Amino acid sequence: MLESNTLTPLFKRMEAAGLLARTRATGDERQVIVTLTDRGREMQGRAAHVPACILAATGLAPGDLVALQRQVMALRDHILQAPQQKGEDG
């Protein structure tokens, strides 16, 4: 999952490029509704083939790629949960 501090700068650049629009939700102003503009939908259409190209470049079957992603995420979680150890100097 991506955090808002990661997404906000990206959304600002995309909005400045005319690819999306951001509006505050009426029921909860903490929420931001993001919608593609016509230009953003055009780019979405042109980029639709990218995921298949990336998958093909890996040389993996889709199920194998999903399994690898799960393993990498589990590894990340274990590293983040591991107790901090002091180095030889500390």
Protein backbone atom coordinates (compact mmCIF):
# COMPACT_ATOMS: atom_id res chain seq x y z
CA MET A 1 0.00 0.00 0.00
CA LEU A 2 1.22 3.49 -0.80
CA GLU A 3 1.11 6.28 1.76
CA SER A 4 -0.40 9.69 1.10
CA ASN A 5 3.03 11.34 1.43
CA THR A 6 4.13 9.18 -1.50
CA LEU A 7 1.04 9.76 -3.61
CA THR A 8 0.49 13.49 -3.08
CA PRO A 9 3.59 14.69 -4.98
CA LEU A 10 2.84 12.22 -7.78
CA PHE A 11 -0.78 13.38 -8.00
CA LYS A 12 0.30 17.03 -8.01
CA ARG A 13 2.61 16.41 -10.98
CA MET A 14 -0.08 14.45 -12.81
CA GLU A 15 -2.63 17.17 -12.10
CA ALA A 16 -0.23 19.85 -13.39
CA ALA A 17 0.20 17.78 -16.55
CA GLY A 18 -3.57 17.70 -17.03
CA LEU A 19 -3.89 13.95 -16.47
CA LEU A 20 -6.13 13.97 -13.40
CA ALA A 21 -8.32 16.16 -11.23
CA ARG A 22 -8.49 16.12 -7.43
CA THR A 23 -11.50 17.22 -5.38
CA ARG A 24 -12.33 16.92 -1.69
CA ALA A 25 -15.11 14.50 -0.75
CA THR A 26 -18.23 16.32 0.41
CA GLY A 27 -18.91 13.94 3.32
CA ASP A 28 -15.34 13.83 4.62
CA GLU A 29 -12.91 16.54 3.59
CA ARG A 30 -9.97 14.34 4.61
CA GLN A 31 -10.75 12.22 1.55
CA VAL A 32 -9.64 13.30 -1.90
CA ILE A 33 -11.46 12.04 -4.98
CA VAL A 34 -9.08 11.51 -7.90
CA THR A 35 -10.47 11.24 -11.43
CA LEU A 36 -8.79 10.98 -14.79
CA THR A 37 -9.24 13.81 -17.25
CA ASP A 38 -9.82 13.14 -20.94
CA ARG A 39 -6.07 13.44 -21.45
CA GLY A 40 -5.48 10.98 -18.59
CA ARG A 41 -7.89 8.46 -20.11
CA GLU A 42 -6.10 8.81 -23.44
CA MET A 43 -2.78 8.05 -21.77
CA GLN A 44 -4.36 5.13 -19.90
CA GLY A 45 -5.39 3.66 -23.24
CA ARG A 46 -1.91 4.11 -24.71
CA ALA A 47 -0.30 2.51 -21.63
CA ALA A 48 -2.68 -0.46 -21.36
CA HIS A 49 -0.10 -2.85 -22.81
CA VAL A 50 2.63 -1.98 -20.28
CA PRO A 51 1.72 -4.55 -17.56
CA ALA A 52 1.76 -7.39 -20.12
CA CYS A 53 5.15 -6.22 -21.39
CA ILE A 54 6.57 -6.15 -17.88
CA LEU A 55 5.20 -9.63 -17.16
CA ALA A 56 6.71 -10.96 -20.39
CA ALA A 57 10.08 -9.40 -19.53
CA THR A 58 10.19 -11.28 -16.21
CA GLY A 59 9.99 -14.64 -17.94
CA LEU A 60 7.65 -15.83 -15.18
CA ALA A 61 4.16 -17.24 -15.35
CA PRO A 62 1.58 -14.91 -13.73
CA GLY A 63 1.11 -17.27 -10.77
CA ASP A 64 4.86 -17.47 -10.21
CA LEU A 65 5.14 -13.69 -10.25
CA VAL A 66 2.33 -13.39 -7.68
CA ALA A 67 4.08 -15.97 -5.47
CA LEU A 68 7.36 -14.07 -5.77
CA GLN A 69 5.63 -10.82 -4.84
CA ARG A 70 4.16 -12.47 -1.73
CA GLN A 71 7.57 -13.83 -0.76
CA VAL A 72 9.24 -10.44 -1.16
CA MET A 73 6.51 -8.78 0.90
CA ALA A 74 6.88 -11.42 3.63
CA LEU A 75 10.66 -10.89 3.63
CA ARG A 76 10.15 -7.13 3.94
CA ASP A 77 7.71 -7.62 6.83
CA HIS A 78 10.14 -9.93 8.66
CA ILE A 79 12.99 -7.45 8.23
CA LEU A 80 10.84 -4.59 9.52
CA GLN A 81 9.77 -6.64 12.55
CA ALA A 82 13.26 -7.91 13.41
CA PRO A 83 14.75 -6.47 16.60
CA GLN A 84 17.30 -3.75 15.99
CA GLN A 85 20.83 -4.96 16.63
CA LYS A 86 23.68 -2.67 17.46
CA GLY A 87 26.68 -2.80 15.16
CA GLU A 88 30.15 -3.76 16.32
CA ASP A 89 30.91 -0.12 17.08
CA GLY A 90 27.64 0.55 18.98
